[in-house]
C-alpha atoms as a PDB file:
ATOM      1  CA  MET A   1      19.827  12.390   5.708  1.00  0.00           C
ATOM      2  CA  THR A   2      16.187  11.307   5.464  1.00  0.00           C
ATOM      3  CA  LEU A   3      13.909  10.229   8.327  1.00  0.00           C
ATOM      4  CA  PHE A   4      14.439   6.582   7.414  1.00  0.00           C
ATOM      5  CA  GLN A   5      18.208   6.858   7.136  1.00  0.00           C
ATOM      6  CA  ALA A   6      18.253   8.396  10.602  1.00  0.00           C
ATOM      7  CA  THR A   7      16.041   5.797  12.288  1.00  0.00           C
ATOM      8  CA  HIS A   8      16.659   2.533  10.421  1.00  0.00           C
ATOM      9  CA  PRO A   9      19.962   0.779   9.656  1.00  0.00           C
ATOM     10  CA  ALA A  10      20.893   1.182   6.005  1.00  0.00           C
ATOM     11  CA  SER A  11      21.696  -2.527   5.830  1.00  0.00           C
ATOM     12  CA  GLN A  12      18.271  -3.706   7.013  1.00  0.00           C
ATOM     13  CA  LEU A  13      17.125  -4.737   3.518  1.00  0.00           C
ATOM     14  CA  SER A  14      20.539  -4.892   1.882  1.00  0.00           C
ATOM     15  CA  GLY A  15      20.579  -7.240  -1.089  1.00  0.00           C
ATOM     16  CA  LYS A  16      16.767  -7.473  -1.237  1.00  0.00           C
ATOM     17  CA  ASN A  17      14.702  -6.772  -4.347  1.00  0.00           C
ATOM     18  CA  VAL A  18      11.484  -4.925  -3.511  1.00  0.00           C
ATOM     19  CA  VAL A  19       8.601  -4.233  -5.896  1.00  0.00           C
ATOM     20  CA  VAL A  20       6.373  -1.212  -5.191  1.00  0.00           C
ATOM     21  CA  THR A  21       3.275  -0.664  -7.318  1.00  0.00           C
ATOM     22  CA  GLY A  22       1.788   2.805  -7.689  1.00  0.00           C
ATOM     23  CA  ALA A  23       5.268   4.114  -6.942  1.00  0.00           C
ATOM     24  CA  SER A  24       5.205   7.425  -8.806  1.00  0.00           C
ATOM     25  CA  ARG A  25       3.732   9.606  -6.052  1.00  0.00           C
ATOM     26  CA  GLY A  26       2.309   9.847  -2.538  1.00  0.00           C
ATOM     27  CA  ILE A  27       2.510   6.781  -0.337  1.00  0.00           C
ATOM     28  CA  GLY A  28       4.131   4.720  -3.095  1.00  0.00           C
ATOM     29  CA  ALA A  29       6.964   7.199  -3.638  1.00  0.00           C
ATOM     30  CA  SER A  30       7.589   7.573   0.108  1.00  0.00           C
ATOM     31  CA  THR A  31       7.592   3.803   0.528  1.00  0.00           C
ATOM     32  CA  ALA A  32      10.068   3.371  -2.317  1.00  0.00           C
ATOM     33  CA  GLN A  33      12.351   5.918  -0.660  1.00  0.00           C
ATOM     34  CA  ALA A  34      12.087   4.257   2.754  1.00  0.00           C
ATOM     35  CA  LEU A  35      12.883   0.806   1.414  1.00  0.00           C
ATOM     36  CA  ALA A  36      15.766   2.072  -0.693  1.00  0.00           C
ATOM     37  CA  ASP A  37      17.196   3.943   2.303  1.00  0.00           C
ATOM     38  CA  ALA A  38      17.078   0.635   4.194  1.00  0.00           C
ATOM     39  CA  GLY A  39      19.296  -0.946   1.535  1.00  0.00           C
ATOM     40  CA  ALA A  40      16.800  -2.480  -0.903  1.00  0.00           C
ATOM     41  CA  ARG A  41      16.921  -2.344  -4.654  1.00  0.00           C
ATOM     42  CA  VAL A  42      13.480  -1.004  -5.537  1.00  0.00           C
ATOM     43  CA  ILE A  43      11.505  -1.859  -8.659  1.00  0.00           C
ATOM     44  CA  LEU A  44       8.945   0.895  -9.219  1.00  0.00           C
ATOM     45  CA  ILE A  45       5.703   0.048 -11.039  1.00  0.00           C
ATOM     46  CA  GLY A  46       3.347   2.650 -12.490  1.00  0.00           C
ATOM     47  CA  ARG A  47       1.510   3.798 -15.590  1.00  0.00           C
ATOM     48  CA  PHE A  48       3.777   6.673 -16.657  1.00  0.00           C
ATOM     49  CA  ARG A  49       7.499   6.305 -17.261  1.00  0.00           C
ATOM     50  CA  GLU A  50       8.359   9.971 -16.696  1.00  0.00           C
ATOM     51  CA  THR A  51       6.898  10.125 -13.181  1.00  0.00           C
ATOM     52  CA  LEU A  52       8.472   6.782 -12.276  1.00  0.00           C
ATOM     53  CA  GLU A  53      11.857   7.972 -13.496  1.00  0.00           C
ATOM     54  CA  ASN A  54      11.509  11.151 -11.427  1.00  0.00           C
ATOM     55  CA  VAL A  55      11.126   9.064  -8.274  1.00  0.00           C
ATOM     56  CA  ALA A  56      13.803   6.570  -9.292  1.00  0.00           C
ATOM     57  CA  GLY A  57      16.265   9.406  -9.868  1.00  0.00           C
ATOM     58  CA  GLY A  58      16.353  10.123  -6.134  1.00  0.00           C
ATOM     59  CA  LEU A  59      16.883   6.524  -5.013  1.00  0.00           C
ATOM     60  CA  PRO A  60      20.082   4.618  -4.281  1.00  0.00           C
ATOM     61  CA  ASN A  61      20.863   0.984  -5.146  1.00  0.00           C
ATOM     62  CA  ASP A  62      20.215   1.054  -8.898  1.00  0.00           C
ATOM     63  CA  PRO A  63      16.384   1.186  -8.993  1.00  0.00           C
ATOM     64  CA  VAL A  64      14.383  -0.251 -11.885  1.00  0.00           C
ATOM     65  CA  THR A  65      11.168   1.102 -13.432  1.00  0.00           C
ATOM     66  CA  VAL A  66       8.430  -0.946 -15.105  1.00  0.00           C
ATOM     67  CA  VAL A  67       5.504   0.711 -16.877  1.00  0.00           C
ATOM     68  CA  ALA A  68       2.245  -1.203 -16.419  1.00  0.00           C
ATOM     69  CA  ASP A  69      -1.484  -0.643 -15.873  1.00  0.00           C
ATOM     70  CA  LEU A  70      -2.610  -2.937 -13.067  1.00  0.00           C
ATOM     71  CA  SER A  71      -6.246  -2.733 -14.117  1.00  0.00           C
ATOM     72  CA  ASP A  72      -5.265  -4.873 -17.137  1.00  0.00           C
ATOM     73  CA  PRO A  73      -5.957  -8.566 -16.376  1.00  0.00           C
ATOM     74  CA  ALA A  74      -2.629  -9.538 -17.984  1.00  0.00           C
ATOM     75  CA  ALA A  75      -0.580  -7.071 -15.936  1.00  0.00           C
ATOM     76  CA  PRO A  76       0.262  -9.154 -12.817  1.00  0.00           C
ATOM     77  CA  ARG A  77       1.955 -11.979 -14.699  1.00  0.00           C
ATOM     78  CA  ALA A  78       3.621  -9.605 -17.167  1.00  0.00           C
ATOM     79  CA  ILE A  79       5.019  -7.484 -14.331  1.00  0.00           C
ATOM     80  CA  VAL A  80       6.505 -10.502 -12.572  1.00  0.00           C
ATOM     81  CA  GLU A  81       8.181 -11.701 -15.764  1.00  0.00           C
ATOM     82  CA  GLN A  82       9.680  -8.267 -16.466  1.00  0.00           C
ATOM     83  CA  VAL A  83      10.945  -7.894 -12.919  1.00  0.00           C
ATOM     84  CA  LYS A  84      12.478 -11.376 -12.891  1.00  0.00           C
ATOM     85  CA  ASP A  85      14.210 -10.635 -16.193  1.00  0.00           C
ATOM     86  CA  ALA A  86      15.603  -7.401 -14.753  1.00  0.00           C
ATOM     87  CA  VAL A  87      16.674  -8.365 -11.226  1.00  0.00           C
ATOM     88  CA  GLY A  88      15.970 -12.061 -10.642  1.00  0.00           C
ATOM     89  CA  THR A  89      14.124 -12.885  -7.436  1.00  0.00           C
ATOM     90  CA  ILE A  90      11.513 -10.744  -5.663  1.00  0.00           C
ATOM     91  CA  ASP A  91      11.895 -10.583  -1.882  1.00  0.00           C
ATOM     92  CA  VAL A  92       9.198  -8.046  -0.987  1.00  0.00           C
ATOM     93  CA  LEU A  93       6.064  -6.875  -2.806  1.00  0.00           C
ATOM     94  CA  VAL A  94       4.187  -3.722  -1.830  1.00  0.00           C
ATOM     95  CA  ASN A  95       0.725  -3.592  -3.417  1.00  0.00           C
ATOM     96  CA  ASN A  96       0.120   0.150  -3.256  1.00  0.00           C
ATOM     97  CA  ALA A  97      -1.577   0.979  -6.574  1.00  0.00           C
ATOM     98  CA  GLY A  98      -5.201   1.931  -6.027  1.00  0.00           C
ATOM     99  CA  GLY A  99      -7.912   4.516  -6.502  1.00  0.00           C
ATOM    100  CA  GLY A 100     -10.868   4.859  -8.849  1.00  0.00           C
ATOM    101  CA  ASP A 101     -13.949   6.976  -9.471  1.00  0.00           C
ATOM    102  CA  ALA A 102     -16.749   4.704  -8.217  1.00  0.00           C
ATOM    103  CA  VAL A 103     -17.728   7.060  -5.402  1.00  0.00           C
ATOM    104  CA  GLY A 104     -20.871   9.043  -4.698  1.00  0.00           C
ATOM    105  CA  PRO A 105     -24.511   8.145  -4.026  1.00  0.00           C
ATOM    106  CA  THR A 106     -24.935   4.461  -4.786  1.00  0.00           C
ATOM    107  CA  HIS A 107     -27.757   4.922  -7.287  1.00  0.00           C
ATOM    108  CA  THR A 108     -25.486   7.117  -9.438  1.00  0.00           C
ATOM    109  CA  LEU A 109     -22.589   4.655  -9.729  1.00  0.00           C
ATOM    110  CA  ARG A 110     -21.686   3.292 -13.168  1.00  0.00           C
ATOM    111  CA  SER A 111     -20.888  -0.372 -13.634  1.00  0.00           C
ATOM    112  CA  GLU A 112     -17.772   0.416 -15.681  1.00  0.00           C
ATOM    113  CA  ASP A 113     -16.356   2.494 -12.817  1.00  0.00           C
ATOM    114  CA  ALA A 114     -17.164  -0.302 -10.379  1.00  0.00           C
ATOM    115  CA  ASP A 115     -15.402  -2.823 -12.615  1.00  0.00           C
ATOM    116  CA  PHE A 116     -12.283  -0.658 -12.757  1.00  0.00           C
ATOM    117  CA  LEU A 117     -12.327  -0.187  -8.974  1.00  0.00           C
ATOM    118  CA  TRP A 118     -12.511  -3.932  -8.396  1.00  0.00           C
ATOM    119  CA  ALA A 119      -9.831  -4.684 -10.995  1.00  0.00           C
ATOM    120  CA  LEU A 120      -7.271  -2.240  -9.627  1.00  0.00           C
ATOM    121  CA  ASN A 121      -7.904  -2.425  -5.886  1.00  0.00           C
ATOM    122  CA  LEU A 122      -8.684  -6.113  -5.369  1.00  0.00           C
ATOM    123  CA  ARG A 123      -8.092  -8.353  -8.373  1.00  0.00           C
ATOM    124  CA  ALA A 124      -4.626  -6.980  -9.139  1.00  0.00           C
ATOM    125  CA  PRO A 125      -3.109  -7.186  -5.633  1.00  0.00           C
ATOM    126  CA  VAL A 126      -4.536 -10.659  -4.979  1.00  0.00           C
ATOM    127  CA  LEU A 127      -3.345 -12.105  -8.297  1.00  0.00           C
ATOM    128  CA  LEU A 128       0.015 -10.322  -8.198  1.00  0.00           C
ATOM    129  CA  GLY A 129       0.505 -11.393  -4.596  1.00  0.00           C
ATOM    130  CA  GLY A 130      -0.249 -15.011  -5.424  1.00  0.00           C
ATOM    131  CA  ILE A 131       2.124 -15.148  -8.395  1.00  0.00           C
ATOM    132  CA  VAL A 132       4.918 -13.502  -6.414  1.00  0.00           C
ATOM    133  CA  ALA A 133       4.306 -15.720  -3.377  1.00  0.00           C
ATOM    134  CA  HIS A 134       4.727 -18.840  -5.501  1.00  0.00           C
ATOM    135  CA  ASP A 135       8.218 -17.671  -6.496  1.00  0.00           C
ATOM    136  CA  MET A 136       9.034 -16.447  -2.975  1.00  0.00           C
ATOM    137  CA  ALA A 137       8.147 -19.860  -1.571  1.00  0.00           C
ATOM    138  CA  ALA A 138      10.633 -21.513  -3.916  1.00  0.00           C
ATOM    139  CA  ASN A 139      13.312 -19.091  -2.684  1.00  0.00           C
ATOM    140  CA  GLY A 140      12.752 -19.534   1.055  1.00  0.00           C
ATOM    141  CA  GLY A 141      10.094 -16.912   1.780  1.00  0.00           C
ATOM    142  CA  GLY A 142       9.273 -13.237   1.525  1.00  0.00           C
ATOM    143  CA  SER A 143       6.835 -10.500   2.478  1.00  0.00           C
ATOM    144  CA  VAL A 144       3.777  -9.110   0.669  1.00  0.00           C
ATOM    145  CA  ILE A 145       2.269  -5.888   2.018  1.00  0.00           C
ATOM    146  CA  SER A 146      -0.904  -4.341   0.609  1.00  0.00           C
ATOM    147  CA  ILE A 147      -2.180  -0.827   1.223  1.00  0.00           C
ATOM    148  CA  SER A 148      -5.831  -0.815   2.268  1.00  0.00           C
ATOM    149  CA  SER A 149      -7.893   1.977   3.863  1.00  0.00           C
ATOM    150  CA  GLY A 150      -9.581   2.789   7.129  1.00  0.00           C
ATOM    151  CA  LEU A 151     -12.797   2.815   5.092  1.00  0.00           C
ATOM    152  CA  SER A 152     -12.609  -0.974   5.087  1.00  0.00           C
ATOM    153  CA  GLN A 153     -13.682  -0.793   8.745  1.00  0.00           C
ATOM    154  CA  GLN A 154     -15.583   2.504   9.003  1.00  0.00           C
ATOM    155  CA  GLY A 155     -18.906   3.246   7.341  1.00  0.00           C
ATOM    156  CA  MET A 156     -19.143   6.484   5.353  1.00  0.00           C
ATOM    157  CA  PRO A 157     -21.780   7.594   2.842  1.00  0.00           C
ATOM    158  CA  GLY A 158     -20.775   7.525  -0.805  1.00  0.00           C
ATOM    159  CA  VAL A 159     -17.902   5.043  -0.625  1.00  0.00           C
ATOM    160  CA  SER A 160     -19.699   1.686  -0.458  1.00  0.00           C
ATOM    161  CA  LEU A 161     -17.855   0.067  -3.368  1.00  0.00           C
ATOM    162  CA  TYR A 162     -14.462   1.441  -2.330  1.00  0.00           C
ATOM    163  CA  SER A 163     -15.050   0.204   1.227  1.00  0.00           C
ATOM    164  CA  ALA A 164     -16.100  -3.178  -0.152  1.00  0.00           C
ATOM    165  CA  VAL A 165     -12.976  -3.755  -2.257  1.00  0.00           C
ATOM    166  CA  LYS A 166     -10.663  -2.632   0.539  1.00  0.00           C
ATOM    167  CA  GLY A 167     -12.507  -4.878   2.991  1.00  0.00           C
ATOM    168  CA  GLY A 168     -12.133  -7.673   0.457  1.00  0.00           C
ATOM    169  CA  LEU A 169      -8.399  -7.006   0.223  1.00  0.00           C
ATOM    170  CA  GLU A 170      -8.053  -7.384   3.985  1.00  0.00           C
ATOM    171  CA  ALA A 171     -10.081 -10.621   3.957  1.00  0.00           C
ATOM    172  CA  ALA A 172      -8.006 -11.993   1.075  1.00  0.00           C
ATOM    173  CA  THR A 173      -4.814 -11.104   2.941  1.00  0.00           C
ATOM    174  CA  ARG A 174      -5.821 -13.282   5.871  1.00  0.00           C
ATOM    175  CA  SER A 175      -6.494 -16.206   3.529  1.00  0.00           C
ATOM    176  CA  LEU A 176      -3.237 -15.659   1.650  1.00  0.00           C
ATOM    177  CA  ALA A 177      -1.338 -15.551   4.950  1.00  0.00           C
ATOM    178  CA  ALA A 178      -2.796 -18.937   5.866  1.00  0.00           C
ATOM    179  CA  GLU A 179      -2.093 -20.348   2.405  1.00  0.00           C
ATOM    180  CA  TRP A 180       1.517 -19.258   2.106  1.00  0.00           C
ATOM    181  CA  GLY A 181       2.694 -19.080   5.728  1.00  0.00           C
ATOM    182  CA  PRO A 182       3.981 -22.680   5.750  1.00  0.00           C
ATOM    183  CA  SER A 183       6.268 -21.685   2.853  1.00  0.00           C
ATOM    184  CA  GLY A 184       7.681 -18.694   4.732  1.00  0.00           C
ATOM    185  CA  VAL A 185       5.740 -16.017   2.852  1.00  0.00           C
ATOM    186  CA  ARG A 186       4.015 -13.387   4.976  1.00  0.00           C
ATOM    187  CA  PHE A 187       0.984 -11.343   3.899  1.00  0.00           C
ATOM    188  CA  ASN A 188      -0.086  -8.192   5.746  1.00  0.00           C
ATOM    189  CA  VAL A 189      -2.050  -5.001   5.180  1.00  0.00           C
ATOM    190  CA  VAL A 190      -1.333  -1.409   6.154  1.00  0.00           C
ATOM    191  CA  SER A 191      -4.563   0.558   6.505  1.00  0.00           C
ATOM    192  CA  PRO A 192      -4.072   4.357   6.378  1.00  0.00           C
ATOM    193  CA  GLY A 193      -6.492   7.012   7.472  1.00  0.00           C
ATOM    194  CA  VAL A 194      -6.609  10.322   5.634  1.00  0.00           C
ATOM    195  CA  THR A 195      -3.073  10.998   4.437  1.00  0.00           C
ATOM    196  CA  ARG A 196      -1.592  14.129   2.908  1.00  0.00           C
ATOM    197  CA  THR A 197      -1.666  12.900  -0.691  1.00  0.00           C
ATOM    198  CA  GLU A 198      -3.649  13.734  -3.808  1.00  0.00           C
ATOM    199  CA  LEU A 199      -6.155  11.007  -2.880  1.00  0.00           C
ATOM    200  CA  GLY A 200      -6.637  12.600   0.552  1.00  0.00           C
ATOM    201  CA  SER A 201      -7.070  16.139  -0.774  1.00  0.00           C
ATOM    202  CA  TRP A 202     -10.875  15.895  -0.618  1.00  0.00           C
ATOM    203  CA  ILE A 203     -10.384  16.419   3.127  1.00  0.00           C
ATOM    204  CA  THR A 204      -7.001  18.125   3.441  1.00  0.00           C
ATOM    205  CA  ALA A 205      -7.947  20.867   0.951  1.00  0.00           C
ATOM    206  CA  ASP A 206     -11.167  21.720   2.813  1.00  0.00           C
ATOM    207  CA  ASP A 207     -10.620  23.384   6.203  1.00  0.00           C
ATOM    208  CA  ASN A 208     -14.082  22.496   7.491  1.00  0.00           C
ATOM    209  CA  ALA A 209     -13.832  18.856   6.380  1.00  0.00           C
ATOM    210  CA  GLN A 210     -10.370  18.564   7.893  1.00  0.00           C
ATOM    211  CA  ARG A 211     -11.535  20.035  11.196  1.00  0.00           C
ATOM    212  CA  LYS A 212     -14.438  17.588  11.411  1.00  0.00           C
ATOM    213  CA  TYR A 213     -12.182  14.664  10.533  1.00  0.00           C
ATOM    214  CA  LEU A 214      -9.573  15.601  13.130  1.00  0.00           C
ATOM    215  CA  GLU A 215     -12.222  15.736  15.846  1.00  0.00           C
ATOM    216  CA  LYS A 216     -12.224  11.937  15.578  1.00  0.00           C
ATOM    217  CA  VAL A 217      -8.437  11.444  15.421  1.00  0.00           C
ATOM    218  CA  PRO A 218      -6.919  11.043  18.909  1.00  0.00           C
ATOM    219  CA  LEU A 219      -3.432  12.039  17.721  1.00  0.00           C
ATOM    220  CA  GLY A 220      -4.885  15.223  16.252  1.00  0.00           C
ATOM    221  CA  ARG A 221      -3.156  15.458  12.882  1.00  0.00           C
ATOM    222  CA  ILE A 222      -3.398  14.320   9.280  1.00  0.00           C
ATOM    223  CA  GLY A 223      -1.179  11.380   8.357  1.00  0.00           C
ATOM    224  CA  GLU A 224       1.893  11.832   6.198  1.00  0.00           C
ATOM    225  CA  PRO A 225       3.084   9.394   3.510  1.00  0.00           C
ATOM    226  CA  ASP A 226       6.173   8.711   5.625  1.00  0.00           C
ATOM    227  CA  ASP A 227       3.924   7.459   8.457  1.00  0.00           C
ATOM    228  CA  VAL A 228       2.568   4.749   6.174  1.00  0.00           C
ATOM    229  CA  ALA A 229       5.979   3.995   4.679  1.00  0.00           C
ATOM    230  CA  ALA A 230       7.408   3.372   8.164  1.00  0.00           C
ATOM    231  CA  ALA A 231       4.808   0.671   8.815  1.00  0.00           C
ATOM    232  CA  VAL A 232       5.526  -0.934   5.438  1.00  0.00           C
ATOM    233  CA  LEU A 233       9.244  -0.915   6.228  1.00  0.00           C
ATOM    234  CA  PHE A 234       8.601  -2.723   9.520  1.00  0.00           C
ATOM    235  CA  LEU A 235       6.568  -5.436   7.790  1.00  0.00           C
ATOM    236  CA  ALA A 236       9.178  -5.807   5.042  1.00  0.00           C
ATOM    237  CA  SER A 237      12.101  -6.035   7.450  1.00  0.00           C
ATOM    238  CA  PRO A 238      13.402  -8.720   9.829  1.00  0.00           C
ATOM    239  CA  GLY A 239      11.617  -6.859  12.637  1.00  0.00           C
ATOM    240  CA  GLY A 240       8.279  -8.045  11.235  1.00  0.00           C
ATOM    241  CA  ALA A 241       9.362 -11.652  10.735  1.00  0.00           C
ATOM    242  CA  TYR A 242       6.666 -13.089  13.051  1.00  0.00           C
ATOM    243  CA  VAL A 243       3.797 -10.930  11.789  1.00  0.00           C
ATOM    244  CA  THR A 244       1.393 -12.247   9.168  1.00  0.00           C
ATOM    245  CA  GLY A 245      -2.305 -12.018   8.333  1.00  0.00           C
ATOM    246  CA  GLN A 246      -2.617  -8.643  10.059  1.00  0.00           C
ATOM    247  CA  ALA A 247      -4.106  -5.257   9.173  1.00  0.00           C
ATOM    248  CA  ILE A 248      -2.132  -2.458  10.825  1.00  0.00           C
ATOM    249  CA  ALA A 249      -4.017   0.845  11.017  1.00  0.00           C
ATOM    250  CA  VAL A 250      -1.857   3.935  10.472  1.00  0.00           C
ATOM    251  CA  ASP A 251      -4.535   6.528  11.103  1.00  0.00           C
ATOM    252  CA  GLY A 252      -3.803   8.321  14.381  1.00  0.00           C
ATOM    253  CA  GLY A 253      -6.518   6.250  16.056  1.00  0.00           C
ATOM    254  CA  TRP A 254      -9.363   7.212  13.710  1.00  0.00           C
ATOM    255  CA  ILE A 255     -10.992   3.779  13.400  1.00  0.00           C
ATOM    256  CA  THR A 256     -10.985   3.332  17.188  1.00  0.00           C
ATOM    257  CA  THR A 257     -12.911   6.484  18.010  1.00  0.00           C
ATOM    258  CA  ALA A 258     -16.629   7.169  17.992  1.00  0.00           C
ATOM    259  CA  PRO A 259     -17.862  10.783  17.719  1.00  0.00           C
ATOM    260  CA  THR A 260     -17.832  12.338  21.151  1.00  0.00           C
ATOM    261  CA  LEU A 261     -21.160  12.532  23.010  1.00  0.00           C
ATOM    262  CA  PHE A 262     -19.832  14.471  25.969  1.00  0.00           C
ATOM    263  CA  PRO A 263     -18.644  18.046  26.484  1.00  0.00           C
ATOM    264  CA  SER A 264     -14.892  18.448  26.407  1.00  0.00           C
ATOM    265  CA  THR A 265     -13.233  18.901  29.788  1.00  0.00           C
END
């Protein structure tokens, strides 16, 4: 029995079709597992069929895989058409796909890396969310959840463009919540801190960096993918039915805490 099977009723999302982008590893894979354990049929989106199939093989409820590159401008509409052909309606969308190499001192950044970062982390979730919301509205409502980052609210050297696109995603989510709320479609963001994934390894693989990071985390540990997945499950489920336009930080308190200026007691 998994964590989610033990703490959430298996029928919570029974009969629901849930799309998860970037579902082949890390937060995406954990989220797919959590939603499937809650009864959903999960449609996993990613760039490589083999890794998607590996995740799908451990899921109940007849999961579906769709291979797509969300940095392609045509991908959002193509994904929706493939999913509708496979399962019909979409009840929940989790915009998890993200990443990119436009990090480092600002004067060294390449425009092509910046374009990719924007395309994957902001253009794709906004366009995909809008297309899906249009269909959800016609079917009585739904939930769209995007994965952002604590760097949307915290300044850090070397991540200006990444911070910008994640901040833009949170701003767009508020506008989308206002646009689609009257039709019963909710838009929210989950904003992780450093999480034990490949993307977080620049801190978790460095003992000194991890120690410095944890000095600013009140709960005193690195996040796990399941921590983020639990927040997504809440927003996807009936328990989150009156929540929209929000950014929920899942970071152990990191964004709330300034570096200490006083001796410990």
